[in-house]
Amino acid sequence: MKRLIKVLFFALIVKPLVLIGLGLNIVKRSPLPKEGAAILAANHTSHLDTLVLMSLYPLSQIHRVRPVAAADYFLRNRWIRWFAIHCIDIIPMDRSEKGSAQSFKNVLSAFERGEIIILFPEGTRALTEDRDFKLKRGIHCLVKKMPDVAVHPVILRGLSKALPKGEALFVPFNCDVILGEPLMYHDDAAQYLAALSQTYQTLLTHCVTK
């Protein structure tokens, strides 16, 4: 039943919103992973980010694409909890257990099932899209446990104008999705995060919107 609800939500609401309400410029679509285990590691400026990334997949695959989300925010009451679990099918992460084996338990289980995970390495939504990326060590701690999992950097641009942080009003706006090739794993966290940040800066140069 949960899988059916998710498919209907994306078929009837999300995909029409993305296709009609947003002018989506998808650049370098070929690196989009078709099967898991894999991570889409994107910058984060809007609640639309997750929906846009998931909408890149056909409905037949949408059940295998799941975003990591903060349990304290998305499970805080029964209405948001129902939506997060049944419509988005989040993988809840306990931020109070930051970096611990327990905090990654659900994500590692998803990898074992061959799922594609959406992760925002900045940890929270930023207020601007042109910046030095404030990446958290969490993505490195996670990938270190399963270094064979492919990490695909993604830059999203324009979604902060379509639905800014702290706002509830959707504004149609032209947006970019720039997909990068898988990032090579490095055991040193600082070097790994520096390489991811540099990849983001390179992907930004391919954006169409200004």
N, C-alpha and C. Protein backbone atom coordinates (compact mmCIF):
# COMPACT_ATOMS: atom_id res chain seq x y z
N MET A 1 0.82 -1.21 0.00
CA MET A 1 0.00 0.00 0.00
C MET A 1 0.86 1.27 0.00
N LYS A 2 1.94 1.26 0.82
CA LYS A 2 2.82 2.44 0.88
C LYS A 2 3.44 2.72 -0.48
N ARG A 3 3.85 1.67 -1.18
CA ARG A 3 4.44 1.84 -2.50
C ARG A 3 3.44 2.45 -3.47
N LEU A 4 2.17 2.03 -3.41
CA LEU A 4 1.14 2.57 -4.29
C LEU A 4 0.90 4.04 -3.99
N ILE A 5 0.85 4.40 -2.71
CA ILE A 5 0.63 5.80 -2.33
C ILE A 5 1.76 6.68 -2.87
N LYS A 6 2.98 6.21 -2.75
CA LYS A 6 4.14 6.97 -3.23
C LYS A 6 4.08 7.15 -4.74
N VAL A 7 3.76 6.10 -5.47
CA VAL A 7 3.68 6.18 -6.93
C VAL A 7 2.58 7.16 -7.35
N LEU A 8 1.42 7.08 -6.71
CA LEU A 8 0.31 7.98 -7.05
C LEU A 8 0.66 9.43 -6.72
N PHE A 9 1.33 9.66 -5.60
CA PHE A 9 1.73 11.01 -5.21
C PHE A 9 2.64 11.63 -6.26
N PHE A 10 3.60 10.86 -6.75
CA PHE A 10 4.52 11.39 -7.75
C PHE A 10 3.86 11.49 -9.12
N ALA A 11 2.99 10.55 -9.44
CA ALA A 11 2.33 10.57 -10.75
C ALA A 11 1.34 11.72 -10.87
N LEU A 12 0.58 11.97 -9.81
CA LEU A 12 -0.51 12.94 -9.88
C LEU A 12 -0.14 14.34 -9.42
N ILE A 13 0.88 14.46 -8.58
CA ILE A 13 1.21 15.77 -8.01
C ILE A 13 2.63 16.22 -8.36
N VAL A 14 3.63 15.41 -8.01
CA VAL A 14 5.01 15.87 -8.11
C VAL A 14 5.45 16.03 -9.57
N LYS A 15 5.28 14.99 -10.37
CA LYS A 15 5.75 15.08 -11.76
C LYS A 15 5.05 16.18 -12.54
N PRO A 16 3.72 16.36 -12.44
CA PRO A 16 3.09 17.52 -13.11
C PRO A 16 3.63 18.85 -12.60
N LEU A 17 3.88 18.95 -11.28
CA LEU A 17 4.43 20.18 -10.72
C LEU A 17 5.80 20.48 -11.31
N VAL A 18 6.64 19.46 -11.37
CA VAL A 18 8.00 19.64 -11.88
C VAL A 18 8.00 19.92 -13.38
N LEU A 19 7.19 19.18 -14.13
CA LEU A 19 7.19 19.31 -15.59
C LEU A 19 6.51 20.59 -16.06
N ILE A 20 5.45 21.02 -15.34
CA ILE A 20 4.67 22.19 -15.77
C ILE A 20 5.07 23.44 -14.99
N GLY A 21 5.24 23.31 -13.67
CA GLY A 21 5.51 24.47 -12.84
C GLY A 21 6.95 24.94 -12.87
N LEU A 22 7.87 24.05 -13.22
CA LEU A 22 9.29 24.40 -13.26
C LEU A 22 9.83 24.17 -14.66
N GLY A 23 10.66 25.10 -15.12
CA GLY A 23 11.39 24.87 -16.35
C GLY A 23 12.70 24.21 -15.97
N LEU A 24 12.79 22.90 -16.12
CA LEU A 24 13.92 22.14 -15.61
C LEU A 24 14.96 21.92 -16.70
N ASN A 25 16.16 22.45 -16.49
CA ASN A 25 17.28 22.23 -17.40
C ASN A 25 18.16 21.12 -16.81
N ILE A 26 18.10 19.94 -17.40
CA ILE A 26 18.88 18.80 -16.89
C ILE A 26 20.13 18.67 -17.74
N VAL A 27 21.29 18.82 -17.09
CA VAL A 27 22.58 18.77 -17.79
C VAL A 27 23.33 17.52 -17.36
N LYS A 28 23.89 16.81 -18.34
CA LYS A 28 24.66 15.59 -18.07
C LYS A 28 23.79 14.54 -17.36
N ARG A 29 22.70 14.17 -17.97
CA ARG A 29 21.78 13.22 -17.35
C ARG A 29 22.36 11.81 -17.25
N SER A 30 23.31 11.48 -18.10
CA SER A 30 23.82 10.11 -18.15
C SER A 30 24.41 9.59 -16.84
N PRO A 31 25.03 10.43 -15.98
CA PRO A 31 25.56 9.88 -14.72
C PRO A 31 24.49 9.48 -13.70
N LEU A 32 23.22 9.81 -13.96
CA LEU A 32 22.17 9.45 -13.00
C LEU A 32 22.17 7.94 -12.79
N PRO A 33 22.40 7.47 -11.56
CA PRO A 33 22.47 6.01 -11.34
C PRO A 33 21.12 5.35 -11.61
N LYS A 34 21.16 4.25 -12.33
CA LYS A 34 19.93 3.53 -12.67
C LYS A 34 19.61 2.44 -11.64
N GLU A 35 20.61 2.06 -10.85
CA GLU A 35 20.40 1.04 -9.84
C GLU A 35 21.30 1.32 -8.64
N GLY A 36 20.95 0.74 -7.49
CA GLY A 36 21.73 0.94 -6.28
C GLY A 36 22.64 -0.23 -6.02
N ALA A 37 23.40 -0.15 -4.95
CA ALA A 37 23.39 0.95 -3.99
C ALA A 37 24.12 2.16 -4.57
N ALA A 38 23.55 3.36 -4.34
CA ALA A 38 24.14 4.58 -4.85
C ALA A 38 23.63 5.75 -4.03
N ILE A 39 24.39 6.85 -4.09
CA ILE A 39 24.00 8.08 -3.40
C ILE A 39 23.95 9.23 -4.38
N LEU A 40 22.87 10.00 -4.35
CA LEU A 40 22.81 11.29 -5.02
C LEU A 40 23.14 12.33 -3.94
N ALA A 41 24.31 12.94 -4.03
CA ALA A 41 24.77 13.90 -3.02
C ALA A 41 24.60 15.31 -3.58
N ALA A 42 23.57 16.01 -3.14
CA ALA A 42 23.20 17.29 -3.74
C ALA A 42 23.34 18.45 -2.76
N ASN A 43 23.52 19.66 -3.31
CA ASN A 43 23.41 20.85 -2.48
C ASN A 43 21.94 21.04 -2.10
N HIS A 44 21.68 21.87 -1.10
CA HIS A 44 20.33 21.90 -0.52
C HIS A 44 19.92 23.32 -0.19
N THR A 45 18.93 23.83 -0.94
CA THR A 45 18.44 25.19 -0.67
C THR A 45 16.92 25.26 -0.56
N SER A 46 16.20 24.15 -0.81
CA SER A 46 14.75 24.19 -0.86
C SER A 46 14.16 22.82 -0.58
N HIS A 47 12.94 22.79 -0.04
CA HIS A 47 12.23 21.52 0.13
C HIS A 47 11.92 20.88 -1.22
N LEU A 48 11.96 21.66 -2.30
CA LEU A 48 11.72 21.10 -3.63
C LEU A 48 12.87 20.22 -4.11
N ASP A 49 14.05 20.37 -3.51
CA ASP A 49 15.22 19.62 -3.97
C ASP A 49 14.95 18.12 -4.04
N THR A 50 14.41 17.58 -2.96
CA THR A 50 14.14 16.15 -2.90
C THR A 50 13.15 15.72 -3.96
N LEU A 51 12.07 16.48 -4.12
CA LEU A 51 11.03 16.12 -5.08
C LEU A 51 11.56 16.15 -6.51
N VAL A 52 12.38 17.15 -6.81
CA VAL A 52 12.94 17.25 -8.17
C VAL A 52 13.86 16.07 -8.45
N LEU A 53 14.73 15.74 -7.50
CA LEU A 53 15.66 14.62 -7.72
C LEU A 53 14.91 13.31 -7.89
N MET A 54 13.88 13.09 -7.09
CA MET A 54 13.12 11.85 -7.20
C MET A 54 12.33 11.80 -8.51
N SER A 55 11.89 12.95 -8.98
CA SER A 55 11.08 12.99 -10.21
C SER A 55 11.91 12.68 -11.45
N LEU A 56 13.25 12.65 -11.33
CA LEU A 56 14.09 12.28 -12.47
C LEU A 56 13.93 10.81 -12.84
N TYR A 57 13.38 10.04 -11.93
CA TYR A 57 13.24 8.60 -12.14
C TYR A 57 11.83 8.25 -12.63
N PRO A 58 11.72 7.21 -13.46
CA PRO A 58 10.39 6.76 -13.90
C PRO A 58 9.61 6.19 -12.72
N LEU A 59 8.30 6.19 -12.84
CA LEU A 59 7.45 5.71 -11.75
C LEU A 59 7.75 4.26 -11.38
N SER A 60 8.22 3.49 -12.34
CA SER A 60 8.53 2.09 -12.08
C SER A 60 9.73 1.93 -11.14
N GLN A 61 10.53 2.98 -10.98
CA GLN A 61 11.71 2.92 -10.13
C GLN A 61 11.59 3.77 -8.87
N ILE A 62 10.55 4.57 -8.79
CA ILE A 62 10.46 5.58 -7.73
C ILE A 62 10.49 4.96 -6.33
N HIS A 63 10.04 3.72 -6.20
CA HIS A 63 10.02 3.09 -4.88
C HIS A 63 11.42 2.77 -4.38
N ARG A 64 12.41 2.77 -5.27
CA ARG A 64 13.79 2.43 -4.91
C ARG A 64 14.63 3.67 -4.63
N VAL A 65 14.03 4.87 -4.74
CA VAL A 65 14.74 6.13 -4.52
C VAL A 65 14.22 6.75 -3.22
N ARG A 66 15.12 6.92 -2.24
CA ARG A 66 14.67 7.35 -0.91
C ARG A 66 15.61 8.43 -0.35
N PRO A 67 15.05 9.51 0.16
CA PRO A 67 15.87 10.57 0.75
C PRO A 67 16.15 10.31 2.24
N VAL A 68 17.35 10.68 2.66
CA VAL A 68 17.68 10.68 4.09
C VAL A 68 17.15 11.98 4.67
N ALA A 69 16.45 11.90 5.78
CA ALA A 69 15.84 13.09 6.37
C ALA A 69 15.92 13.04 7.89
N ALA A 70 15.94 14.21 8.51
CA ALA A 70 16.06 14.32 9.96
C ALA A 70 14.80 13.82 10.65
N ALA A 71 14.95 12.83 11.50
CA ALA A 71 13.80 12.26 12.21
C ALA A 71 13.12 13.29 13.09
N ASP A 72 13.89 14.17 13.75
CA ASP A 72 13.29 15.14 14.67
C ASP A 72 12.41 16.15 13.95
N TYR A 73 12.64 16.35 12.64
CA TYR A 73 11.81 17.29 11.88
C TYR A 73 10.65 16.59 11.19
N PHE A 74 10.93 15.51 10.48
CA PHE A 74 9.90 14.88 9.65
C PHE A 74 9.03 13.87 10.39
N LEU A 75 9.38 13.53 11.60
CA LEU A 75 8.54 12.62 12.39
C LEU A 75 7.98 13.32 13.62
N ARG A 76 7.94 14.66 13.59
CA ARG A 76 7.61 15.40 14.81
C ARG A 76 6.12 15.40 15.15
N ASN A 77 5.25 15.13 14.18
CA ASN A 77 3.83 14.95 14.50
C ASN A 77 3.24 13.94 13.52
N ARG A 78 2.06 13.46 13.82
CA ARG A 78 1.53 12.33 13.05
C ARG A 78 1.21 12.69 11.61
N TRP A 79 0.88 13.96 11.29
CA TRP A 79 0.54 14.34 9.93
C TRP A 79 1.78 14.41 9.05
N ILE A 80 2.80 15.09 9.54
CA ILE A 80 4.05 15.15 8.78
C ILE A 80 4.68 13.77 8.69
N ARG A 81 4.58 13.01 9.78
CA ARG A 81 5.13 11.65 9.79
C ARG A 81 4.47 10.80 8.71
N TRP A 82 3.13 10.84 8.60
CA TRP A 82 2.42 10.04 7.59
C TRP A 82 2.88 10.44 6.19
N PHE A 83 2.95 11.75 5.94
CA PHE A 83 3.37 12.22 4.62
C PHE A 83 4.80 11.78 4.32
N ALA A 84 5.71 11.95 5.27
CA ALA A 84 7.12 11.63 5.06
C ALA A 84 7.33 10.15 4.80
N ILE A 85 6.59 9.31 5.50
CA ILE A 85 6.78 7.86 5.38
C ILE A 85 6.05 7.29 4.17
N HIS A 86 4.81 7.72 3.94
CA HIS A 86 4.00 7.11 2.89
C HIS A 86 4.17 7.76 1.51
N CYS A 87 4.34 9.09 1.47
CA CYS A 87 4.43 9.78 0.18
C CYS A 87 5.88 9.91 -0.31
N ILE A 88 6.81 10.16 0.61
CA ILE A 88 8.21 10.35 0.25
C ILE A 88 9.03 9.11 0.55
N ASP A 89 8.62 8.36 1.57
CA ASP A 89 9.33 7.15 2.00
C ASP A 89 10.76 7.49 2.45
N ILE A 90 10.85 8.43 3.39
CA ILE A 90 12.16 8.87 3.86
C ILE A 90 12.88 7.76 4.63
N ILE A 91 14.20 7.93 4.71
CA ILE A 91 15.01 7.13 5.63
C ILE A 91 15.32 8.05 6.80
N PRO A 92 14.65 7.89 7.93
CA PRO A 92 14.87 8.82 9.05
C PRO A 92 16.25 8.64 9.66
N MET A 93 16.88 9.78 9.97
CA MET A 93 18.18 9.75 10.63
C MET A 93 18.09 10.53 11.93
N ASP A 94 18.57 9.93 13.00
CA ASP A 94 18.56 10.56 14.31
C ASP A 94 19.79 11.46 14.43
N ARG A 95 19.58 12.77 14.38
CA ARG A 95 20.71 13.70 14.42
C ARG A 95 21.37 13.76 15.80
N SER A 96 20.70 13.25 16.82
CA SER A 96 21.33 13.21 18.15
C SER A 96 22.40 12.14 18.24
N GLU A 97 22.38 11.20 17.26
CA GLU A 97 23.38 10.12 17.22
C GLU A 97 24.38 10.38 16.10
N LYS A 98 24.64 11.65 15.85
CA LYS A 98 25.44 12.10 14.71
C LYS A 98 26.75 11.30 14.56
N GLY A 99 26.91 10.69 13.37
CA GLY A 99 28.16 10.00 13.06
C GLY A 99 28.30 8.62 13.66
N SER A 100 27.35 8.20 14.49
CA SER A 100 27.47 6.89 15.14
C SER A 100 26.95 5.79 14.23
N ALA A 101 27.28 4.56 14.58
CA ALA A 101 26.80 3.41 13.81
C ALA A 101 25.28 3.35 13.82
N GLN A 102 24.67 3.73 14.95
CA GLN A 102 23.22 3.69 15.07
C GLN A 102 22.55 4.68 14.12
N SER A 103 23.17 5.86 13.94
CA SER A 103 22.55 6.88 13.08
C SER A 103 22.51 6.44 11.61
N PHE A 104 23.45 5.57 11.21
CA PHE A 104 23.52 5.12 9.82
C PHE A 104 22.84 3.78 9.60
N LYS A 105 22.28 3.20 10.62
CA LYS A 105 21.73 1.84 10.52
C LYS A 105 20.71 1.71 9.39
N ASN A 106 19.75 2.65 9.33
CA ASN A 106 18.70 2.56 8.31
C ASN A 106 19.24 2.77 6.90
N VAL A 107 20.25 3.66 6.78
CA VAL A 107 20.83 3.91 5.46
C VAL A 107 21.60 2.70 4.97
N LEU A 108 22.38 2.07 5.85
CA LEU A 108 23.15 0.89 5.47
C LEU A 108 22.21 -0.26 5.07
N SER A 109 21.07 -0.37 5.75
CA SER A 109 20.08 -1.39 5.38
C SER A 109 19.53 -1.11 3.99
N ALA A 110 19.32 0.17 3.67
CA ALA A 110 18.83 0.54 2.33
C ALA A 110 19.86 0.19 1.26
N PHE A 111 21.13 0.41 1.56
CA PHE A 111 22.19 0.02 0.62
C PHE A 111 22.15 -1.47 0.35
N GLU A 112 21.96 -2.25 1.39
CA GLU A 112 21.93 -3.70 1.23
C GLU A 112 20.76 -4.15 0.36
N ARG A 113 19.70 -3.35 0.32
CA ARG A 113 18.54 -3.67 -0.53
C ARG A 113 18.73 -3.11 -1.94
N GLY A 114 19.85 -2.46 -2.20
CA GLY A 114 20.11 -1.92 -3.53
C GLY A 114 19.33 -0.66 -3.85
N GLU A 115 19.06 0.17 -2.84
CA GLU A 115 18.29 1.39 -3.05
C GLU A 115 19.20 2.57 -3.39
N ILE A 116 18.61 3.59 -4.01
CA ILE A 116 19.31 4.82 -4.37
C ILE A 116 18.94 5.87 -3.33
N ILE A 117 19.95 6.42 -2.67
CA ILE A 117 19.73 7.32 -1.54
C ILE A 117 20.00 8.76 -1.95
N ILE A 118 19.12 9.67 -1.51
CA ILE A 118 19.35 11.10 -1.70
C ILE A 118 19.88 11.66 -0.37
N LEU A 119 21.03 12.32 -0.45
CA LEU A 119 21.68 12.83 0.75
C LEU A 119 22.16 14.26 0.49
N PHE A 120 21.99 15.12 1.48
CA PHE A 120 22.44 16.50 1.38
C PHE A 120 23.62 16.70 2.33
N PRO A 121 24.85 16.70 1.80
CA PRO A 121 26.05 16.75 2.64
C PRO A 121 26.18 18.00 3.51
N GLU A 122 25.44 19.07 3.16
CA GLU A 122 25.49 20.28 3.98
C GLU A 122 24.68 20.12 5.27
N GLY A 123 23.82 19.14 5.31
CA GLY A 123 23.07 18.85 6.52
C GLY A 123 21.82 19.67 6.73
N THR A 124 21.72 20.82 6.09
CA THR A 124 20.55 21.68 6.22
C THR A 124 20.46 22.56 4.99
N ARG A 125 19.33 23.23 4.83
CA ARG A 125 19.16 24.10 3.67
C ARG A 125 19.97 25.39 3.84
N ALA A 126 20.64 25.80 2.77
CA ALA A 126 21.41 27.04 2.77
C ALA A 126 20.55 28.18 2.22
N LEU A 127 20.98 29.40 2.48
CA LEU A 127 20.21 30.57 2.06
C LEU A 127 20.63 31.10 0.69
N THR A 128 21.76 30.62 0.18
CA THR A 128 22.24 31.09 -1.12
C THR A 128 22.80 29.93 -1.92
N GLU A 129 22.82 30.07 -3.23
CA GLU A 129 23.29 28.99 -4.11
C GLU A 129 24.72 29.21 -4.59
N ASP A 130 25.23 30.42 -4.53
CA ASP A 130 26.59 30.73 -4.97
C ASP A 130 27.45 30.97 -3.74
N ARG A 131 28.26 29.98 -3.36
CA ARG A 131 28.94 30.06 -2.08
C ARG A 131 30.02 29.00 -1.97
N ASP A 132 30.76 29.09 -0.88
CA ASP A 132 31.60 27.99 -0.46
C ASP A 132 30.71 27.00 0.27
N PHE A 133 30.74 25.75 -0.14
CA PHE A 133 29.83 24.76 0.41
C PHE A 133 30.29 24.32 1.79
N LYS A 134 29.39 24.40 2.75
CA LYS A 134 29.68 24.01 4.14
C LYS A 134 29.31 22.53 4.31
N LEU A 135 30.22 21.66 3.90
CA LEU A 135 29.95 20.23 3.91
C LEU A 135 30.25 19.61 5.28
N LYS A 136 29.36 18.76 5.74
CA LYS A 136 29.55 18.05 7.00
C LYS A 136 30.31 16.75 6.75
N ARG A 137 30.92 16.23 7.80
CA ARG A 137 31.70 15.00 7.69
C ARG A 137 30.82 13.75 7.60
N GLY A 138 29.50 13.93 7.80
CA GLY A 138 28.61 12.77 7.83
C GLY A 138 28.67 11.91 6.59
N ILE A 139 28.76 12.53 5.40
CA ILE A 139 28.79 11.74 4.17
C ILE A 139 30.04 10.87 4.11
N HIS A 140 31.15 11.41 4.60
CA HIS A 140 32.38 10.61 4.60
C HIS A 140 32.28 9.47 5.61
N CYS A 141 31.72 9.75 6.79
CA CYS A 141 31.54 8.70 7.80
C CYS A 141 30.66 7.57 7.26
N LEU A 142 29.65 7.93 6.48
CA LEU A 142 28.75 6.94 5.91
C LEU A 142 29.45 6.12 4.83
N VAL A 143 30.07 6.80 3.87
CA VAL A 143 30.69 6.11 2.75
C VAL A 143 31.87 5.26 3.22
N LYS A 144 32.52 5.68 4.29
CA LYS A 144 33.64 4.92 4.83
C LYS A 144 33.22 3.51 5.23
N LYS A 145 31.94 3.37 5.62
CA LYS A 145 31.43 2.06 6.02
C LYS A 145 31.16 1.17 4.80
N MET A 146 30.88 1.79 3.65
CA MET A 146 30.64 1.05 2.40
C MET A 146 31.28 1.81 1.25
N PRO A 147 32.60 1.80 1.16
CA PRO A 147 33.31 2.62 0.16
C PRO A 147 33.03 2.25 -1.29
N ASP A 148 32.42 1.09 -1.54
CA ASP A 148 32.11 0.70 -2.91
C ASP A 148 30.82 1.34 -3.43
N VAL A 149 30.07 2.00 -2.54
CA VAL A 149 28.83 2.66 -2.96
C VAL A 149 29.18 3.90 -3.78
N ALA A 150 28.58 4.01 -4.98
CA ALA A 150 28.86 5.14 -5.86
C ALA A 150 28.19 6.41 -5.33
N VAL A 151 28.97 7.49 -5.26
CA VAL A 151 28.46 8.80 -4.81
C VAL A 151 28.45 9.74 -6.01
N HIS A 152 27.25 10.17 -6.41
CA HIS A 152 27.09 11.04 -7.58
C HIS A 152 26.79 12.47 -7.12
N PRO A 153 27.74 13.40 -7.28
CA PRO A 153 27.47 14.80 -6.92
C PRO A 153 26.42 15.41 -7.85
N VAL A 154 25.54 16.23 -7.27
CA VAL A 154 24.50 16.90 -8.04
C VAL A 154 24.41 18.36 -7.58
N ILE A 155 24.33 19.27 -8.53
CA ILE A 155 24.09 20.67 -8.22
C ILE A 155 22.67 21.03 -8.68
N LEU A 156 21.93 21.65 -7.77
CA LEU A 156 20.59 22.17 -8.06
C LEU A 156 20.64 23.69 -7.96
N ARG A 157 20.10 24.35 -8.94
CA ARG A 157 20.13 25.82 -8.93
C ARG A 157 18.79 26.37 -9.37
N GLY A 158 18.28 27.36 -8.65
CA GLY A 158 17.02 28.00 -8.99
C GLY A 158 15.87 27.59 -8.09
N LEU A 159 15.99 26.45 -7.43
CA LEU A 159 14.89 25.96 -6.59
C LEU A 159 14.71 26.82 -5.34
N SER A 160 15.76 27.49 -4.90
CA SER A 160 15.62 28.39 -3.75
C SER A 160 14.76 29.60 -4.09
N LYS A 161 14.65 29.91 -5.38
CA LYS A 161 13.78 31.00 -5.81
C LYS A 161 12.35 30.50 -6.04
N ALA A 162 12.22 29.21 -6.43
CA ALA A 162 10.89 28.64 -6.65
C ALA A 162 10.17 28.38 -5.31
N LEU A 163 10.94 27.96 -4.30
CA LEU A 163 10.38 27.76 -2.96
C LEU A 163 11.48 28.05 -1.95
N PRO A 164 11.64 29.33 -1.56
CA PRO A 164 12.73 29.70 -0.65
C PRO A 164 12.55 29.08 0.74
N LYS A 165 13.66 28.96 1.45
CA LYS A 165 13.65 28.47 2.81
C LYS A 165 12.78 29.38 3.67
N GLY A 166 11.87 28.77 4.44
CA GLY A 166 10.99 29.53 5.31
C GLY A 166 9.72 30.02 4.66
N GLU A 167 9.55 29.76 3.35
CA GLU A 167 8.35 30.19 2.63
C GLU A 167 7.50 28.99 2.25
N ALA A 168 6.19 29.24 2.08
CA ALA A 168 5.27 28.17 1.69
C ALA A 168 4.67 28.41 0.31
N LEU A 169 4.97 29.55 -0.30
CA LEU A 169 4.39 29.91 -1.60
C LEU A 169 5.31 29.47 -2.73
N PHE A 170 4.80 28.61 -3.59
CA PHE A 170 5.56 28.13 -4.75
C PHE A 170 5.50 29.15 -5.87
N VAL A 171 6.67 29.48 -6.44
CA VAL A 171 6.76 30.42 -7.55
C VAL A 171 7.42 29.71 -8.74
N PRO A 172 6.75 29.59 -9.88
CA PRO A 172 7.38 28.95 -11.05
C PRO A 172 8.68 29.65 -11.41
N PHE A 173 9.73 28.86 -11.60
CA PHE A 173 11.05 29.44 -11.87
C PHE A 173 11.88 28.44 -12.65
N ASN A 174 12.69 28.96 -13.55
CA ASN A 174 13.57 28.10 -14.34
C ASN A 174 14.70 27.57 -13.46
N CYS A 175 14.93 26.25 -13.49
CA CYS A 175 15.88 25.61 -12.57
C CYS A 175 16.83 24.67 -13.31
N ASP A 176 18.01 24.48 -12.71
CA ASP A 176 19.02 23.60 -13.28
C ASP A 176 19.22 22.37 -12.41
N VAL A 177 19.48 21.24 -13.06
CA VAL A 177 19.93 20.02 -12.39
C VAL A 177 21.19 19.57 -13.13
N ILE A 178 22.33 19.64 -12.46
CA ILE A 178 23.61 19.28 -13.08
C ILE A 178 24.15 18.03 -12.39
N LEU A 179 24.30 16.95 -13.14
CA LEU A 179 24.73 15.68 -12.59
C LEU A 179 26.20 15.43 -12.89
N GLY A 180 26.93 14.98 -11.88
CA GLY A 180 28.35 14.72 -12.04
C GLY A 180 28.68 13.24 -12.03
N GLU A 181 29.87 12.91 -12.48
CA GLU A 181 30.35 11.53 -12.45
C GLU A 181 30.63 11.12 -11.00
N PRO A 182 30.61 9.81 -10.71
CA PRO A 182 30.84 9.35 -9.33
C PRO A 182 32.15 9.87 -8.76
N LEU A 183 32.09 10.26 -7.48
CA LEU A 183 33.25 10.79 -6.79
C LEU A 183 34.12 9.65 -6.27
N MET A 184 35.43 9.76 -6.50
CA MET A 184 36.34 8.73 -6.02
C MET A 184 36.47 8.81 -4.51
N TYR A 185 36.42 7.66 -3.85
CA TYR A 185 36.53 7.63 -2.39
C TYR A 185 37.96 7.90 -1.95
N HIS A 186 38.09 8.66 -0.85
CA HIS A 186 39.40 8.89 -0.23
C HIS A 186 39.24 8.69 1.27
N ASP A 187 40.16 7.96 1.86
CA ASP A 187 40.06 7.63 3.28
C ASP A 187 40.19 8.86 4.17
N ASP A 188 40.85 9.89 3.68
CA ASP A 188 41.01 11.12 4.44
C ASP A 188 39.77 12.00 4.26
N ALA A 189 39.07 12.30 5.36
CA ALA A 189 37.80 13.02 5.28
C ALA A 189 37.98 14.42 4.69
N ALA A 190 39.03 15.13 5.11
CA ALA A 190 39.24 16.49 4.63
C ALA A 190 39.45 16.51 3.12
N GLN A 191 40.25 15.58 2.62
CA GLN A 191 40.50 15.52 1.17
C GLN A 191 39.24 15.12 0.42
N TYR A 192 38.47 14.21 0.99
CA TYR A 192 37.23 13.76 0.34
C TYR A 192 36.25 14.93 0.22
N LEU A 193 36.05 15.67 1.31
CA LEU A 193 35.12 16.79 1.29
C LEU A 193 35.61 17.91 0.40
N ALA A 194 36.93 18.12 0.35
CA ALA A 194 37.49 19.14 -0.54
C ALA A 194 37.23 18.77 -2.00
N ALA A 195 37.37 17.48 -2.32
CA ALA A 195 37.12 17.03 -3.69
C ALA A 195 35.65 17.18 -4.06
N LEU A 196 34.76 16.90 -3.10
CA LEU A 196 33.32 17.06 -3.35
C LEU A 196 32.98 18.53 -3.55
N SER A 197 33.54 19.40 -2.72
CA SER A 197 33.30 20.84 -2.85
C SER A 197 33.80 21.36 -4.20
N GLN A 198 34.97 20.91 -4.62
CA GLN A 198 35.51 21.33 -5.90
C GLN A 198 34.65 20.84 -7.06
N THR A 199 34.12 19.63 -6.92
CA THR A 199 33.22 19.10 -7.95
C THR A 199 31.96 19.95 -8.06
N TYR A 200 31.42 20.37 -6.92
CA TYR A 200 30.25 21.25 -6.93
C TYR A 200 30.56 22.56 -7.66
N GLN A 201 31.72 23.14 -7.37
CA GLN A 201 32.09 24.39 -8.03
C GLN A 201 32.20 24.20 -9.54
N THR A 202 32.73 23.06 -9.96
CA THR A 202 32.85 22.78 -11.40
C THR A 202 31.47 22.60 -12.03
N LEU A 203 30.60 21.88 -11.35
CA LEU A 203 29.25 21.67 -11.88
C LEU A 203 28.47 22.97 -11.99
N LEU A 204 28.73 23.91 -11.08
CA LEU A 204 28.05 25.21 -11.12
C LEU A 204 28.32 25.94 -12.43
N THR A 205 29.48 25.71 -13.02
CA THR A 205 29.82 26.41 -14.26
C THR A 205 28.95 25.95 -15.43
N HIS A 206 28.27 24.82 -15.28
CA HIS A 206 27.40 24.31 -16.35
C HIS A 206 25.96 24.80 -16.22
N CYS A 207 25.68 25.58 -15.18
CA CYS A 207 24.30 26.05 -14.98
C CYS A 207 23.88 27.01 -16.07
N VAL A 208 22.62 26.95 -16.43
CA VAL A 208 22.05 27.82 -17.45
C VAL A 208 21.44 29.06 -16.80
N THR A 209 20.78 28.87 -15.66
CA THR A 209 20.11 29.98 -14.98
C THR A 209 21.14 30.89 -14.33
N LYS A 210 20.80 32.15 -14.22
CA LYS A 210 21.68 33.14 -13.57
C LYS A 210 20.92 33.86 -12.48
